[in-house]
C-alpha atoms as a PDB file:
ATOM      1  CA  MET A   1      95.403  94.152  96.373  1.00  0.00           C
ATOM      2  CA  THR A   2      92.125  95.992  96.465  1.00  0.00           C
ATOM      3  CA  ASP A   3      91.602  98.934  98.848  1.00  0.00           C
ATOM      4  CA  THR A   4      88.275  97.883 100.084  1.00  0.00           C
ATOM      5  CA  PRO A   5      86.963 101.067 101.669  1.00  0.00           C
ATOM      6  CA  LEU A   6      87.702 102.950  98.712  1.00  0.00           C
ATOM      7  CA  PHE A   7      86.079 100.454  96.458  1.00  0.00           C
ATOM      8  CA  ALA A   8      82.863 100.402  98.580  1.00  0.00           C
ATOM      9  CA  TYR A   9      82.843 104.338  98.546  1.00  0.00           C
ATOM     10  CA  GLY A  10      83.090 104.141  94.736  1.00  0.00           C
ATOM     11  CA  GLY A  11      80.286 101.622  94.625  1.00  0.00           C
ATOM     12  CA  LEU A  12      78.045 103.957  96.777  1.00  0.00           C
ATOM     13  CA  LEU A  13      78.851 107.012  94.576  1.00  0.00           C
ATOM     14  CA  VAL A  14      77.798 104.952  91.470  1.00  0.00           C
ATOM     15  CA  ALA A  15      74.690 103.751  93.192  1.00  0.00           C
ATOM     16  CA  GLY A  16      73.776 107.054  94.448  1.00  0.00           C
ATOM     17  CA  GLY A  17      74.275 108.591  91.001  1.00  0.00           C
ATOM     18  CA  ALA A  18      71.937 105.929  89.521  1.00  0.00           C
ATOM     19  CA  MET A  19      69.329 106.541  91.984  1.00  0.00           C
ATOM     20  CA  GLY A  20      69.251 110.297  91.456  1.00  0.00           C
ATOM     21  CA  PHE A  21      68.766 109.660  87.706  1.00  0.00           C
ATOM     22  CA  ALA A  22      66.149 107.154  88.383  1.00  0.00           C
ATOM     23  CA  LYS A  23      64.138 109.207  90.868  1.00  0.00           C
ATOM     24  CA  LYS A  24      64.740 112.728  89.696  1.00  0.00           C
ATOM     25  CA  GLY A  25      65.840 112.195  86.014  1.00  0.00           C
ATOM     26  CA  SER A  26      69.063 114.098  87.123  1.00  0.00           C
ATOM     27  CA  LEU A  27      71.720 113.323  84.350  1.00  0.00           C
ATOM     28  CA  MET A  28      74.343 115.516  86.507  1.00  0.00           C
ATOM     29  CA  SER A  29      73.765 112.893  89.387  1.00  0.00           C
ATOM     30  CA  LEU A  30      74.302 110.020  86.966  1.00  0.00           C
ATOM     31  CA  LEU A  31      77.468 111.480  85.342  1.00  0.00           C
ATOM     32  CA  ALA A  32      78.956 112.942  88.427  1.00  0.00           C
ATOM     33  CA  GLY A  33      78.277 109.809  90.588  1.00  0.00           C
ATOM     34  CA  GLY A  34      79.071 107.471  87.866  1.00  0.00           C
ATOM     35  CA  LEU A  35      82.266 109.012  86.921  1.00  0.00           C
ATOM     36  CA  SER A  36      83.734 109.694  90.343  1.00  0.00           C
ATOM     37  CA  GLY A  37      82.605 106.310  91.577  1.00  0.00           C
ATOM     38  CA  THR A  38      84.189 104.497  88.791  1.00  0.00           C
ATOM     39  CA  TYR A  39      87.397 106.392  89.285  1.00  0.00           C
ATOM     40  CA  PHE A  40      87.476 105.396  92.914  1.00  0.00           C
ATOM     41  CA  MET A  41      86.757 101.843  92.180  1.00  0.00           C
ATOM     42  CA  LEU A  42      89.399 101.778  89.529  1.00  0.00           C
ATOM     43  CA  ALA A  43      91.900 103.500  91.749  1.00  0.00           C
ATOM     44  CA  ALA A  44      91.080 101.111  94.632  1.00  0.00           C
ATOM     45  CA  SER A  45      92.148  98.121  92.481  1.00  0.00           C
ATOM     46  CA  GLU A  46      95.479  99.268  91.685  1.00  0.00           C
ATOM     47  CA  MET A  47      96.364 102.052  94.136  1.00  0.00           C
ATOM     48  CA  ASN A  48      99.527 103.949  93.557  1.00  0.00           C
ATOM     49  CA  GLU A  49     100.899 107.405  94.682  1.00  0.00           C
ATOM     50  CA  ALA A  50      99.127 109.282  91.777  1.00  0.00           C
ATOM     51  CA  HIS A  51      95.772 107.552  92.321  1.00  0.00           C
ATOM     52  CA  GLU A  52      96.013 108.327  96.046  1.00  0.00           C
ATOM     53  CA  VAL A  53      96.750 111.978  95.321  1.00  0.00           C
ATOM     54  CA  ASN A  54      93.718 112.091  92.896  1.00  0.00           C
ATOM     55  CA  CYS A  55      91.518 110.334  95.398  1.00  0.00           C
ATOM     56  CA  LYS A  56      92.429 112.832  98.091  1.00  0.00           C
ATOM     57  CA  ALA A  57      91.664 115.668  95.880  1.00  0.00           C
ATOM     58  CA  LEU A  58      88.357 114.340  94.542  1.00  0.00           C
ATOM     59  CA  SER A  59      87.167 113.360  98.013  1.00  0.00           C
ATOM     60  CA  GLY A  60      88.147 116.838  99.198  1.00  0.00           C
ATOM     61  CA  ALA A  61      86.307 118.474  96.478  1.00  0.00           C
ATOM     62  CA  LEU A  62      83.105 116.211  96.986  1.00  0.00           C
ATOM     63  CA  THR A  63      83.287 116.990 100.947  1.00  0.00           C
ATOM     64  CA  VAL A  64      83.281 120.775 100.125  1.00  0.00           C
ATOM     65  CA  ILE A  65      80.829 120.870  97.264  1.00  0.00           C
ATOM     66  CA  MET A  66      78.345 118.519  98.997  1.00  0.00           C
ATOM     67  CA  SER A  67      78.656 120.262 102.416  1.00  0.00           C
ATOM     68  CA  VAL A  68      77.716 123.550 100.838  1.00  0.00           C
ATOM     69  CA  ARG A  69      74.677 121.886  98.961  1.00  0.00           C
ATOM     70  CA  ALA A  70      73.638 120.257 102.342  1.00  0.00           C
ATOM     71  CA  ILE A  71      73.800 123.676 104.288  1.00  0.00           C
ATOM     72  CA  ARG A  72      71.847 125.411 101.536  1.00  0.00           C
ATOM     73  CA  SER A  73      69.190 122.700 101.322  1.00  0.00           C
ATOM     74  CA  GLY A  74      68.955 122.058 104.913  1.00  0.00           C
ATOM     75  CA  LYS A  75      68.670 118.517 104.196  1.00  0.00           C
ATOM     76  CA  ILE A  76      71.029 115.601 105.162  1.00  0.00           C
ATOM     77  CA  MET A  77      70.018 113.375 102.179  1.00  0.00           C
ATOM     78  CA  PRO A  78      71.647 113.105  99.812  1.00  0.00           C
ATOM     79  CA  SER A  79      74.222 115.831  99.714  1.00  0.00           C
ATOM     80  CA  GLY A  80      74.893 115.574 103.512  1.00  0.00           C
ATOM     81  CA  ALA A  81      75.379 111.970 103.532  1.00  0.00           C
ATOM     82  CA  VAL A  82      77.741 112.102 100.499  1.00  0.00           C
ATOM     83  CA  ALA A  83      79.655 115.152 102.403  1.00  0.00           C
ATOM     84  CA  ILE A  84      80.142 112.891 105.526  1.00  0.00           C
ATOM     85  CA  LEU A  85      81.411 109.791 103.569  1.00  0.00           C
ATOM     86  CA  SER A  86      83.698 111.959 101.550  1.00  0.00           C
ATOM     87  CA  ALA A  87      85.199 113.508 104.801  1.00  0.00           C
ATOM     88  CA  ALA A  88      85.599 109.938 106.261  1.00  0.00           C
ATOM     89  CA  VAL A  89      87.352 108.734 103.104  1.00  0.00           C
ATOM     90  CA  LEU A  90      89.569 111.878 103.009  1.00  0.00           C
ATOM     91  CA  ALA A  91      90.608 111.078 106.666  1.00  0.00           C
ATOM     92  CA  TYR A  92      91.214 107.510 105.863  1.00  0.00           C
ATOM     93  CA  LEU A  93      93.557 108.401 102.752  1.00  0.00           C
ATOM     94  CA  PHE A  94      95.373 110.805 105.089  1.00  0.00           C
ATOM     95  CA  ASN A  95      95.784 108.360 107.937  1.00  0.00           C
ATOM     96  CA  LYS A  96      96.748 105.307 105.713  1.00  0.00           C
ATOM     97  CA  ILE A  97     100.180 103.970 106.238  1.00  0.00           C
END
């Protein structure tokens, strides 16, 4: 069974990375969003304990990194939005039964 919130989050990360590349030519956005989003989508399709631990670590890292970027830039988009979504996913993963 697919974990729908994680799959949707992965899709948003992939789309955001592609948008960053299309608008600003940012290869880093494409790679980071594409790879992390793809991992979340794959993990969501066959969730096990190892995938859950990795998803917690990755969403925690994205929360911290993107929060720092949002604070430094003073802008909510895109880093602030990713930080908020990542924190929500992290909370979801820790509250899952």
